[in-house]
Amino acid sequence: MITMKDIVREGYPTLTESAAPVEMPPNKEDQETLTDMLTFIQNSQDPEISEKYELRPGVGLAAPQLGLSKRMMAVHFEDLNGNSYSDGYYNPKIISHSVEQTYISTGEGCLSVDREVPGIVPRHMRITIKAINLNGEPVKLRLKGYAAVVFQHEIDHLNGIMFYDHINKNDPFKTPDGAKPCDITE
């Protein structure tokens, strides 16, 4: 079972490197790791389990956050429209995105960052991704608003990018032109 002690923190090399693609079909070890990642995210949102194992709640986890340079990520959340996302993904790739931007009004957090980093993190309002899911099936997802933000955050980890790398250093609360917060309206 993955716990907070397994999650690497800021400064760990895999968090700033581009992760290697996972060979398809995935081997048994990669399948088990990705399944464990999804279980961790689900457990982190369960009040009893998270308290018992001192898990910080999260909606996504990428393999580099476990010190693994592999293009794998897991998500477990519901967007503001009630759509559920709960799966693991191998080699996810953004194949298209909108020019329009969005952001979470309260900022973003990360299981690998133990401090508050205030500021607006501009993201694409809509993205389309291709990946192989936990069952080994090719998937194409069209994501909007909050769901798009979550996936972009995790895919950034696969590319060695931290959420705060997107924050404007000179004006952390500068809203991108025409951007709407995704946690208020969709």
N, C-alpha and C. Protein backbone atom coordinates (compact mmCIF):
# COMPACT_ATOMS: atom_id res chain seq x y z
N MET A 1 0.84 -1.19 0.00
CA MET A 1 0.00 0.00 0.00
C MET A 1 0.88 1.25 0.00
N ILE A 2 0.59 2.16 -0.91
CA ILE A 2 1.32 3.42 -0.98
C ILE A 2 0.82 4.33 0.14
N THR A 3 1.78 4.97 0.83
CA THR A 3 1.43 5.96 1.86
C THR A 3 2.23 7.23 1.57
N MET A 4 2.05 8.26 2.40
CA MET A 4 2.74 9.53 2.18
C MET A 4 4.26 9.37 2.22
N LYS A 5 4.76 8.38 2.95
CA LYS A 5 6.22 8.20 3.03
C LYS A 5 6.80 7.75 1.68
N ASP A 6 5.95 7.22 0.80
CA ASP A 6 6.41 6.78 -0.52
C ASP A 6 6.47 7.92 -1.53
N ILE A 7 5.84 9.04 -1.20
CA ILE A 7 5.78 10.16 -2.14
C ILE A 7 6.99 11.07 -1.96
N VAL A 8 7.72 11.26 -3.05
CA VAL A 8 8.91 12.12 -2.99
C VAL A 8 8.49 13.58 -2.98
N ARG A 9 9.34 14.41 -2.41
CA ARG A 9 9.03 15.82 -2.25
C ARG A 9 9.91 16.68 -3.15
N GLU A 10 9.56 17.96 -3.19
CA GLU A 10 10.30 18.94 -4.00
C GLU A 10 11.81 18.72 -3.90
N GLY A 11 12.48 18.84 -5.02
CA GLY A 11 13.92 18.66 -5.05
C GLY A 11 14.35 17.27 -5.48
N TYR A 12 13.42 16.31 -5.45
CA TYR A 12 13.75 14.95 -5.87
C TYR A 12 13.90 14.94 -7.39
N PRO A 13 14.96 14.31 -7.91
CA PRO A 13 15.25 14.39 -9.35
C PRO A 13 14.11 14.03 -10.30
N THR A 14 13.31 12.99 -9.99
CA THR A 14 12.27 12.59 -10.96
C THR A 14 11.19 13.66 -11.13
N LEU A 15 11.11 14.62 -10.20
CA LEU A 15 10.09 15.66 -10.31
C LEU A 15 10.47 16.75 -11.32
N THR A 16 11.73 16.77 -11.74
CA THR A 16 12.17 17.80 -12.69
C THR A 16 12.71 17.19 -13.99
N GLU A 17 12.45 15.91 -14.20
CA GLU A 17 12.91 15.24 -15.41
C GLU A 17 11.71 14.74 -16.22
N SER A 18 11.91 14.62 -17.52
CA SER A 18 10.88 14.03 -18.37
C SER A 18 10.91 12.51 -18.17
N ALA A 19 9.76 11.94 -17.87
CA ALA A 19 9.67 10.50 -17.59
C ALA A 19 9.70 9.68 -18.88
N ALA A 20 10.17 8.46 -18.75
CA ALA A 20 10.29 7.55 -19.89
C ALA A 20 8.94 6.90 -20.21
N PRO A 21 8.66 6.67 -21.50
CA PRO A 21 7.43 5.97 -21.87
C PRO A 21 7.40 4.56 -21.30
N VAL A 22 6.20 4.07 -21.03
CA VAL A 22 6.02 2.70 -20.54
C VAL A 22 5.82 1.81 -21.76
N GLU A 23 6.58 0.72 -21.81
CA GLU A 23 6.43 -0.22 -22.93
C GLU A 23 5.06 -0.89 -22.86
N MET A 24 4.44 -1.03 -24.02
CA MET A 24 3.13 -1.68 -24.11
C MET A 24 3.29 -3.04 -24.73
N PRO A 25 2.61 -4.07 -24.28
CA PRO A 25 1.73 -4.01 -23.11
C PRO A 25 2.56 -3.87 -21.84
N PRO A 26 1.98 -3.25 -20.80
CA PRO A 26 2.74 -3.03 -19.56
C PRO A 26 3.08 -4.36 -18.88
N ASN A 27 4.23 -4.38 -18.23
CA ASN A 27 4.61 -5.58 -17.50
C ASN A 27 3.83 -5.64 -16.17
N LYS A 28 3.94 -6.76 -15.50
CA LYS A 28 3.20 -7.00 -14.25
C LYS A 28 3.53 -5.94 -13.19
N GLU A 29 4.80 -5.59 -13.09
CA GLU A 29 5.22 -4.60 -12.09
C GLU A 29 4.57 -3.24 -12.35
N ASP A 30 4.55 -2.80 -13.62
CA ASP A 30 3.94 -1.52 -13.96
C ASP A 30 2.42 -1.55 -13.71
N GLN A 31 1.80 -2.69 -14.03
CA GLN A 31 0.36 -2.82 -13.78
C GLN A 31 0.06 -2.72 -12.29
N GLU A 32 0.87 -3.40 -11.47
CA GLU A 32 0.66 -3.35 -10.02
C GLU A 32 0.90 -1.95 -9.48
N THR A 33 1.94 -1.29 -9.97
CA THR A 33 2.24 0.07 -9.51
C THR A 33 1.09 1.01 -9.83
N LEU A 34 0.59 0.96 -11.07
CA LEU A 34 -0.49 1.86 -11.47
C LEU A 34 -1.77 1.57 -10.68
N THR A 35 -2.04 0.30 -10.44
CA THR A 35 -3.20 -0.07 -9.62
C THR A 35 -3.04 0.47 -8.20
N ASP A 36 -1.84 0.34 -7.64
CA ASP A 36 -1.56 0.87 -6.30
C ASP A 36 -1.70 2.39 -6.26
N MET A 37 -1.30 3.07 -7.34
CA MET A 37 -1.42 4.53 -7.40
C MET A 37 -2.89 4.94 -7.34
N LEU A 38 -3.73 4.25 -8.11
CA LEU A 38 -5.16 4.56 -8.10
C LEU A 38 -5.76 4.27 -6.72
N THR A 39 -5.36 3.16 -6.12
CA THR A 39 -5.85 2.82 -4.77
C THR A 39 -5.45 3.89 -3.77
N PHE A 40 -4.22 4.40 -3.89
CA PHE A 40 -3.77 5.47 -2.98
C PHE A 40 -4.68 6.69 -3.08
N ILE A 41 -4.97 7.12 -4.31
CA ILE A 41 -5.81 8.31 -4.50
C ILE A 41 -7.21 8.06 -3.92
N GLN A 42 -7.75 6.89 -4.16
CA GLN A 42 -9.06 6.56 -3.60
C GLN A 42 -9.01 6.55 -2.08
N ASN A 43 -7.98 5.92 -1.51
CA ASN A 43 -7.83 5.87 -0.06
C ASN A 43 -7.65 7.26 0.55
N SER A 44 -6.94 8.14 -0.17
CA SER A 44 -6.67 9.48 0.36
C SER A 44 -7.95 10.29 0.52
N GLN A 45 -9.00 9.89 -0.18
CA GLN A 45 -10.28 10.61 -0.10
C GLN A 45 -11.27 9.93 0.86
N ASP A 46 -10.89 8.79 1.40
CA ASP A 46 -11.74 8.07 2.35
C ASP A 46 -11.38 8.57 3.76
N PRO A 47 -12.33 9.22 4.46
CA PRO A 47 -12.00 9.82 5.75
C PRO A 47 -11.37 8.85 6.76
N GLU A 48 -11.90 7.64 6.86
CA GLU A 48 -11.37 6.68 7.83
C GLU A 48 -9.97 6.20 7.46
N ILE A 49 -9.80 5.80 6.19
CA ILE A 49 -8.50 5.28 5.75
C ILE A 49 -7.45 6.38 5.77
N SER A 50 -7.81 7.58 5.29
CA SER A 50 -6.82 8.66 5.24
C SER A 50 -6.37 9.06 6.64
N GLU A 51 -7.29 9.03 7.60
CA GLU A 51 -6.91 9.37 8.98
C GLU A 51 -6.02 8.26 9.57
N LYS A 52 -6.41 7.02 9.36
CA LYS A 52 -5.65 5.89 9.92
C LYS A 52 -4.22 5.87 9.41
N TYR A 53 -4.03 6.14 8.11
CA TYR A 53 -2.70 6.06 7.51
C TYR A 53 -2.06 7.44 7.28
N GLU A 54 -2.70 8.49 7.80
CA GLU A 54 -2.20 9.87 7.67
C GLU A 54 -1.92 10.24 6.21
N LEU A 55 -2.92 10.03 5.36
CA LEU A 55 -2.81 10.35 3.95
C LEU A 55 -3.36 11.75 3.69
N ARG A 56 -2.64 12.54 2.92
CA ARG A 56 -3.18 13.83 2.47
C ARG A 56 -4.11 13.56 1.30
N PRO A 57 -5.28 14.19 1.29
CA PRO A 57 -6.19 13.94 0.18
C PRO A 57 -5.64 14.48 -1.14
N GLY A 58 -5.81 13.69 -2.19
CA GLY A 58 -5.38 14.10 -3.52
C GLY A 58 -6.37 13.62 -4.56
N VAL A 59 -6.29 14.18 -5.75
CA VAL A 59 -7.16 13.76 -6.85
C VAL A 59 -6.36 13.08 -7.96
N GLY A 60 -5.04 13.18 -7.89
CA GLY A 60 -4.20 12.56 -8.90
C GLY A 60 -2.82 12.26 -8.37
N LEU A 61 -2.15 11.33 -9.02
CA LEU A 61 -0.79 10.95 -8.64
C LEU A 61 -0.06 10.49 -9.90
N ALA A 62 1.16 10.96 -10.08
CA ALA A 62 1.98 10.56 -11.22
C ALA A 62 3.18 9.76 -10.72
N ALA A 63 3.63 8.81 -11.52
CA ALA A 63 4.74 7.92 -11.13
C ALA A 63 6.00 8.69 -10.68
N PRO A 64 6.37 9.82 -11.32
CA PRO A 64 7.54 10.55 -10.83
C PRO A 64 7.42 10.98 -9.36
N GLN A 65 6.19 11.10 -8.86
CA GLN A 65 6.00 11.45 -7.46
C GLN A 65 6.34 10.29 -6.53
N LEU A 66 6.53 9.12 -7.11
CA LEU A 66 6.97 7.95 -6.33
C LEU A 66 8.44 7.66 -6.61
N GLY A 67 9.10 8.59 -7.29
CA GLY A 67 10.51 8.41 -7.63
C GLY A 67 10.71 7.52 -8.84
N LEU A 68 9.65 7.27 -9.60
CA LEU A 68 9.71 6.41 -10.79
C LEU A 68 9.64 7.25 -12.06
N SER A 69 10.63 7.12 -12.90
CA SER A 69 10.63 7.86 -14.17
C SER A 69 9.88 7.07 -15.22
N LYS A 70 8.55 7.04 -15.04
CA LYS A 70 7.68 6.32 -15.97
C LYS A 70 6.44 7.15 -16.24
N ARG A 71 5.97 7.11 -17.47
CA ARG A 71 4.81 7.90 -17.87
C ARG A 71 3.52 7.19 -17.48
N MET A 72 3.22 7.24 -16.18
CA MET A 72 2.00 6.64 -15.63
C MET A 72 1.38 7.65 -14.66
N MET A 73 0.04 7.70 -14.67
CA MET A 73 -0.67 8.58 -13.74
C MET A 73 -2.01 7.96 -13.39
N ALA A 74 -2.53 8.34 -12.23
CA ALA A 74 -3.85 7.87 -11.81
C ALA A 74 -4.64 9.06 -11.30
N VAL A 75 -5.95 9.03 -11.55
CA VAL A 75 -6.84 10.09 -11.06
C VAL A 75 -8.09 9.47 -10.45
N HIS A 76 -8.66 10.19 -9.50
CA HIS A 76 -9.93 9.77 -8.89
C HIS A 76 -10.60 11.04 -8.38
N PHE A 77 -11.61 11.50 -9.11
CA PHE A 77 -12.32 12.71 -8.71
C PHE A 77 -13.63 12.82 -9.49
N GLU A 78 -14.44 13.76 -9.07
CA GLU A 78 -15.68 14.08 -9.76
C GLU A 78 -15.63 15.57 -10.11
N ASP A 79 -16.00 15.92 -11.34
CA ASP A 79 -15.99 17.35 -11.70
C ASP A 79 -17.28 18.03 -11.24
N LEU A 80 -17.38 19.31 -11.51
CA LEU A 80 -18.52 20.09 -11.03
C LEU A 80 -19.83 19.69 -11.70
N ASN A 81 -19.75 18.96 -12.80
CA ASN A 81 -20.95 18.51 -13.49
C ASN A 81 -21.35 17.08 -13.10
N GLY A 82 -20.63 16.53 -12.11
CA GLY A 82 -20.96 15.18 -11.64
C GLY A 82 -20.34 14.05 -12.44
N ASN A 83 -19.44 14.38 -13.37
CA ASN A 83 -18.75 13.33 -14.14
C ASN A 83 -17.63 12.75 -13.30
N SER A 84 -17.57 11.43 -13.22
CA SER A 84 -16.53 10.76 -12.42
C SER A 84 -15.36 10.34 -13.30
N TYR A 85 -14.18 10.50 -12.75
CA TYR A 85 -12.94 10.07 -13.40
C TYR A 85 -12.20 9.23 -12.37
N SER A 86 -11.98 7.98 -12.66
CA SER A 86 -11.27 7.10 -11.74
C SER A 86 -10.60 6.00 -12.54
N ASP A 87 -9.32 6.21 -12.88
CA ASP A 87 -8.61 5.26 -13.71
C ASP A 87 -7.12 5.55 -13.65
N GLY A 88 -6.35 4.61 -14.15
CA GLY A 88 -4.92 4.80 -14.31
C GLY A 88 -4.61 4.88 -15.79
N TYR A 89 -3.54 5.60 -16.13
CA TYR A 89 -3.21 5.82 -17.54
C TYR A 89 -1.72 5.63 -17.79
N TYR A 90 -1.43 4.92 -18.88
CA TYR A 90 -0.06 4.77 -19.35
C TYR A 90 0.14 5.73 -20.52
N ASN A 91 1.28 6.39 -20.54
CA ASN A 91 1.70 7.25 -21.66
C ASN A 91 0.63 8.26 -22.10
N PRO A 92 0.00 8.96 -21.15
CA PRO A 92 -1.00 9.96 -21.57
C PRO A 92 -0.33 11.11 -22.31
N LYS A 93 -1.02 11.59 -23.32
CA LYS A 93 -0.46 12.67 -24.14
C LYS A 93 -1.57 13.62 -24.53
N ILE A 94 -1.32 14.90 -24.36
CA ILE A 94 -2.28 15.92 -24.81
C ILE A 94 -2.11 16.05 -26.33
N ILE A 95 -3.19 15.78 -27.06
CA ILE A 95 -3.09 15.84 -28.53
C ILE A 95 -3.70 17.13 -29.08
N SER A 96 -4.52 17.81 -28.28
CA SER A 96 -5.02 19.13 -28.68
C SER A 96 -5.47 19.88 -27.44
N HIS A 97 -5.50 21.21 -27.55
CA HIS A 97 -5.94 22.03 -26.43
C HIS A 97 -6.51 23.35 -26.94
N SER A 98 -7.34 23.95 -26.11
CA SER A 98 -7.95 25.22 -26.46
C SER A 98 -6.96 26.37 -26.24
N VAL A 99 -7.23 27.48 -26.89
CA VAL A 99 -6.48 28.70 -26.64
C VAL A 99 -7.00 29.31 -25.33
N GLU A 100 -8.31 29.19 -25.12
CA GLU A 100 -8.93 29.70 -23.90
C GLU A 100 -8.31 29.05 -22.67
N GLN A 101 -8.11 29.88 -21.64
CA GLN A 101 -7.49 29.37 -20.42
C GLN A 101 -8.45 29.39 -19.24
N THR A 102 -8.07 28.63 -18.21
CA THR A 102 -8.83 28.57 -16.98
C THR A 102 -7.84 28.45 -15.83
N TYR A 103 -8.36 28.41 -14.61
CA TYR A 103 -7.52 28.24 -13.42
C TYR A 103 -8.43 27.90 -12.25
N ILE A 104 -7.83 27.37 -11.19
CA ILE A 104 -8.57 27.12 -9.95
C ILE A 104 -8.38 28.37 -9.09
N SER A 105 -9.47 28.99 -8.69
CA SER A 105 -9.39 30.29 -8.01
C SER A 105 -8.60 30.25 -6.70
N THR A 106 -8.57 29.10 -6.03
CA THR A 106 -7.83 28.99 -4.77
C THR A 106 -6.39 28.52 -4.98
N GLY A 107 -5.99 28.34 -6.24
CA GLY A 107 -4.65 27.86 -6.54
C GLY A 107 -4.61 26.33 -6.55
N GLU A 108 -3.46 25.79 -6.85
CA GLU A 108 -3.29 24.35 -6.90
C GLU A 108 -2.37 23.89 -5.77
N GLY A 109 -2.52 22.63 -5.42
CA GLY A 109 -1.65 22.01 -4.44
C GLY A 109 -1.08 20.74 -5.03
N CYS A 110 -0.18 20.11 -4.30
CA CYS A 110 0.48 18.92 -4.82
C CYS A 110 0.94 18.05 -3.65
N LEU A 111 0.77 16.75 -3.78
CA LEU A 111 1.21 15.84 -2.73
C LEU A 111 2.72 15.85 -2.54
N SER A 112 3.46 16.32 -3.54
CA SER A 112 4.92 16.40 -3.44
C SER A 112 5.39 17.75 -2.91
N VAL A 113 4.46 18.64 -2.62
CA VAL A 113 4.81 19.99 -2.13
C VAL A 113 4.17 20.17 -0.76
N ASP A 114 5.00 20.30 0.26
CA ASP A 114 4.51 20.40 1.64
C ASP A 114 4.28 21.83 2.10
N ARG A 115 4.29 22.75 1.17
CA ARG A 115 4.08 24.16 1.54
C ARG A 115 2.98 24.73 0.66
N GLU A 116 2.43 25.82 1.11
CA GLU A 116 1.43 26.53 0.32
C GLU A 116 2.17 27.39 -0.69
N VAL A 117 1.76 27.31 -1.95
CA VAL A 117 2.35 28.16 -3.00
C VAL A 117 1.22 28.96 -3.61
N PRO A 118 0.99 30.18 -3.09
CA PRO A 118 -0.13 30.98 -3.60
C PRO A 118 0.12 31.50 -5.01
N GLY A 119 -0.97 31.61 -5.76
CA GLY A 119 -0.87 32.17 -7.10
C GLY A 119 -1.79 31.44 -8.07
N ILE A 120 -2.01 32.09 -9.20
CA ILE A 120 -2.87 31.53 -10.24
C ILE A 120 -2.02 30.68 -11.19
N VAL A 121 -2.51 29.46 -11.44
CA VAL A 121 -1.83 28.52 -12.34
C VAL A 121 -2.66 28.45 -13.62
N PRO A 122 -2.24 29.17 -14.67
CA PRO A 122 -3.02 29.14 -15.92
C PRO A 122 -2.96 27.77 -16.58
N ARG A 123 -4.13 27.31 -17.03
CA ARG A 123 -4.25 26.02 -17.71
C ARG A 123 -5.15 26.18 -18.93
N HIS A 124 -5.07 25.23 -19.85
CA HIS A 124 -5.98 25.23 -20.99
C HIS A 124 -7.38 24.85 -20.50
N MET A 125 -8.41 25.54 -20.99
CA MET A 125 -9.79 25.26 -20.60
C MET A 125 -10.24 23.87 -21.08
N ARG A 126 -9.81 23.49 -22.29
CA ARG A 126 -10.19 22.20 -22.85
C ARG A 126 -8.94 21.50 -23.40
N ILE A 127 -8.88 20.20 -23.16
CA ILE A 127 -7.80 19.40 -23.74
C ILE A 127 -8.38 18.07 -24.24
N THR A 128 -7.69 17.47 -25.17
CA THR A 128 -7.99 16.10 -25.59
C THR A 128 -6.73 15.30 -25.35
N ILE A 129 -6.89 14.16 -24.67
CA ILE A 129 -5.73 13.31 -24.42
C ILE A 129 -5.96 11.92 -25.01
N LYS A 130 -4.85 11.28 -25.31
CA LYS A 130 -4.85 9.87 -25.70
C LYS A 130 -3.96 9.16 -24.70
N ALA A 131 -4.36 7.96 -24.32
CA ALA A 131 -3.59 7.16 -23.36
C ALA A 131 -4.04 5.71 -23.46
N ILE A 132 -3.38 4.86 -22.71
CA ILE A 132 -3.80 3.47 -22.52
C ILE A 132 -4.27 3.40 -21.07
N ASN A 133 -5.49 2.92 -20.85
CA ASN A 133 -6.00 2.90 -19.47
C ASN A 133 -5.50 1.66 -18.72
N LEU A 134 -5.89 1.58 -17.46
CA LEU A 134 -5.44 0.51 -16.58
C LEU A 134 -5.79 -0.87 -17.13
N ASN A 135 -6.87 -0.97 -17.89
CA ASN A 135 -7.28 -2.25 -18.49
C ASN A 135 -6.55 -2.55 -19.79
N GLY A 136 -5.65 -1.66 -20.19
CA GLY A 136 -4.88 -1.88 -21.41
C GLY A 136 -5.60 -1.43 -22.67
N GLU A 137 -6.67 -0.65 -22.50
CA GLU A 137 -7.45 -0.18 -23.66
C GLU A 137 -7.04 1.23 -24.05
N PRO A 138 -6.92 1.49 -25.36
CA PRO A 138 -6.65 2.85 -25.79
C PRO A 138 -7.87 3.74 -25.51
N VAL A 139 -7.63 4.92 -24.96
CA VAL A 139 -8.72 5.85 -24.68
C VAL A 139 -8.38 7.23 -25.23
N LYS A 140 -9.43 7.93 -25.60
CA LYS A 140 -9.31 9.32 -26.03
C LYS A 140 -10.31 10.09 -25.19
N LEU A 141 -9.83 11.04 -24.39
CA LEU A 141 -10.71 11.79 -23.50
C LEU A 141 -10.73 13.26 -23.88
N ARG A 142 -11.92 13.81 -23.97
CA ARG A 142 -12.09 15.25 -24.18
C ARG A 142 -12.47 15.83 -22.82
N LEU A 143 -11.61 16.67 -22.29
CA LEU A 143 -11.78 17.17 -20.93
C LEU A 143 -11.94 18.68 -20.93
N LYS A 144 -12.73 19.16 -19.99
CA LYS A 144 -13.03 20.59 -19.91
C LYS A 144 -12.96 21.04 -18.45
N GLY A 145 -12.58 22.27 -18.24
CA GLY A 145 -12.62 22.88 -16.91
C GLY A 145 -11.77 22.15 -15.90
N TYR A 146 -12.37 21.83 -14.75
CA TYR A 146 -11.63 21.22 -13.64
C TYR A 146 -10.96 19.90 -14.06
N ALA A 147 -11.67 19.06 -14.82
CA ALA A 147 -11.08 17.79 -15.25
C ALA A 147 -9.83 18.05 -16.10
N ALA A 148 -9.90 19.03 -16.98
CA ALA A 148 -8.74 19.38 -17.82
C ALA A 148 -7.57 19.84 -16.95
N VAL A 149 -7.87 20.61 -15.91
CA VAL A 149 -6.81 21.10 -15.01
C VAL A 149 -6.12 19.92 -14.31
N VAL A 150 -6.91 19.00 -13.77
CA VAL A 150 -6.34 17.85 -13.05
C VAL A 150 -5.41 17.05 -13.97
N PHE A 151 -5.87 16.74 -15.17
CA PHE A 151 -5.05 15.97 -16.10
C PHE A 151 -3.79 16.74 -16.51
N GLN A 152 -3.91 18.05 -16.73
CA GLN A 152 -2.73 18.83 -17.09
C GLN A 152 -1.70 18.83 -15.95
N HIS A 153 -2.17 18.93 -14.71
CA HIS A 153 -1.28 18.91 -13.55
C HIS A 153 -0.49 17.60 -13.52
N GLU A 154 -1.18 16.47 -13.71
CA GLU A 154 -0.51 15.17 -13.65
C GLU A 154 0.41 14.95 -14.87
N ILE A 155 -0.03 15.35 -16.05
CA ILE A 155 0.81 15.20 -17.24
C ILE A 155 2.05 16.09 -17.12
N ASP A 156 1.91 17.26 -16.49
CA ASP A 156 3.09 18.10 -16.22
C ASP A 156 4.13 17.32 -15.43
N HIS A 157 3.69 16.55 -14.43
CA HIS A 157 4.65 15.76 -13.64
C HIS A 157 5.45 14.82 -14.54
N LEU A 158 4.81 14.28 -15.57
CA LEU A 158 5.49 13.35 -16.48
C LEU A 158 6.52 14.08 -17.33
N ASN A 159 6.39 15.41 -17.40
CA ASN A 159 7.31 16.21 -18.20
C ASN A 159 8.28 17.01 -17.32
N GLY A 160 8.31 16.71 -16.03
CA GLY A 160 9.23 17.40 -15.12
C GLY A 160 8.83 18.82 -14.78
N ILE A 161 7.55 19.12 -14.87
CA ILE A 161 7.05 20.48 -14.60
C ILE A 161 6.20 20.45 -13.33
N MET A 162 6.47 21.38 -12.43
CA MET A 162 5.69 21.52 -11.20
C MET A 162 4.63 22.60 -11.43
N PHE A 163 3.52 22.52 -10.71
CA PHE A 163 2.43 23.48 -10.92
C PHE A 163 2.89 24.92 -10.74
N TYR A 164 3.79 25.16 -9.78
CA TYR A 164 4.22 26.54 -9.50
C TYR A 164 5.13 27.10 -10.59
N ASP A 165 5.63 26.24 -11.49
CA ASP A 165 6.41 26.72 -12.63
C ASP A 165 5.55 27.59 -13.56
N HIS A 166 4.22 27.43 -13.49
CA HIS A 166 3.29 28.19 -14.33
C HIS A 166 2.89 29.53 -13.72
N ILE A 167 3.15 29.72 -12.43
CA ILE A 167 2.72 30.95 -11.75
C ILE A 167 3.62 32.11 -12.19
N ASN A 168 2.99 33.24 -12.51
CA ASN A 168 3.72 34.44 -12.92
C ASN A 168 4.56 34.92 -11.73
N LYS A 169 5.88 34.90 -11.90
CA LYS A 169 6.79 35.26 -10.79
C LYS A 169 6.63 36.71 -10.35
N ASN A 170 6.36 37.60 -11.31
CA ASN A 170 6.26 39.03 -10.99
C ASN A 170 4.90 39.42 -10.45
N ASP A 171 3.86 38.68 -10.83
CA ASP A 171 2.49 38.98 -10.39
C ASP A 171 1.74 37.66 -10.23
N PRO A 172 1.94 36.98 -9.07
CA PRO A 172 1.38 35.64 -8.88
C PRO A 172 -0.14 35.53 -9.03
N PHE A 173 -0.86 36.63 -8.83
CA PHE A 173 -2.32 36.56 -8.90
C PHE A 173 -2.88 37.18 -10.18
N LYS A 174 -2.01 37.36 -11.17
CA LYS A 174 -2.45 37.90 -12.47
C LYS A 174 -3.30 36.85 -13.17
N THR A 175 -4.53 37.23 -13.51
CA THR A 175 -5.44 36.34 -14.22
C THR A 175 -5.13 36.41 -15.72
N PRO A 176 -4.98 35.27 -16.38
CA PRO A 176 -4.76 35.30 -17.83
C PRO A 176 -5.93 35.98 -18.53
N ASP A 177 -5.65 36.73 -19.58
CA ASP A 177 -6.69 37.45 -20.32
C ASP A 177 -7.82 36.52 -20.74
N GLY A 178 -9.04 36.86 -20.35
CA GLY A 178 -10.22 36.11 -20.75
C GLY A 178 -10.43 34.79 -20.03
N ALA A 179 -9.54 34.45 -19.11
CA ALA A 179 -9.66 33.17 -18.41
C ALA A 179 -10.76 33.22 -17.36
N LYS A 180 -11.45 32.10 -17.20
CA LYS A 180 -12.50 31.99 -16.18
C LYS A 180 -12.07 30.90 -15.19
N PRO A 181 -12.34 31.11 -13.90
CA PRO A 181 -12.01 30.06 -12.93
C PRO A 181 -12.89 28.83 -13.16
N CYS A 182 -12.29 27.65 -13.17
CA CYS A 182 -13.06 26.44 -13.47
C CYS A 182 -13.77 25.87 -12.25
N ASP A 183 -13.44 26.36 -11.08
CA ASP A 183 -14.07 25.82 -9.89
C ASP A 183 -15.31 26.60 -9.49
N ILE A 184 -15.66 27.60 -10.30
CA ILE A 184 -16.86 28.39 -10.03
C ILE A 184 -17.87 28.21 -11.16
N THR A 185 -17.39 28.30 -12.39
CA THR A 185 -18.28 28.11 -13.54
C THR A 185 -17.62 27.14 -14.51
N GLU A 186 -18.44 26.44 -15.25
CA GLU A 186 -17.91 25.55 -16.29
C GLU A 186 -18.63 25.81 -17.59
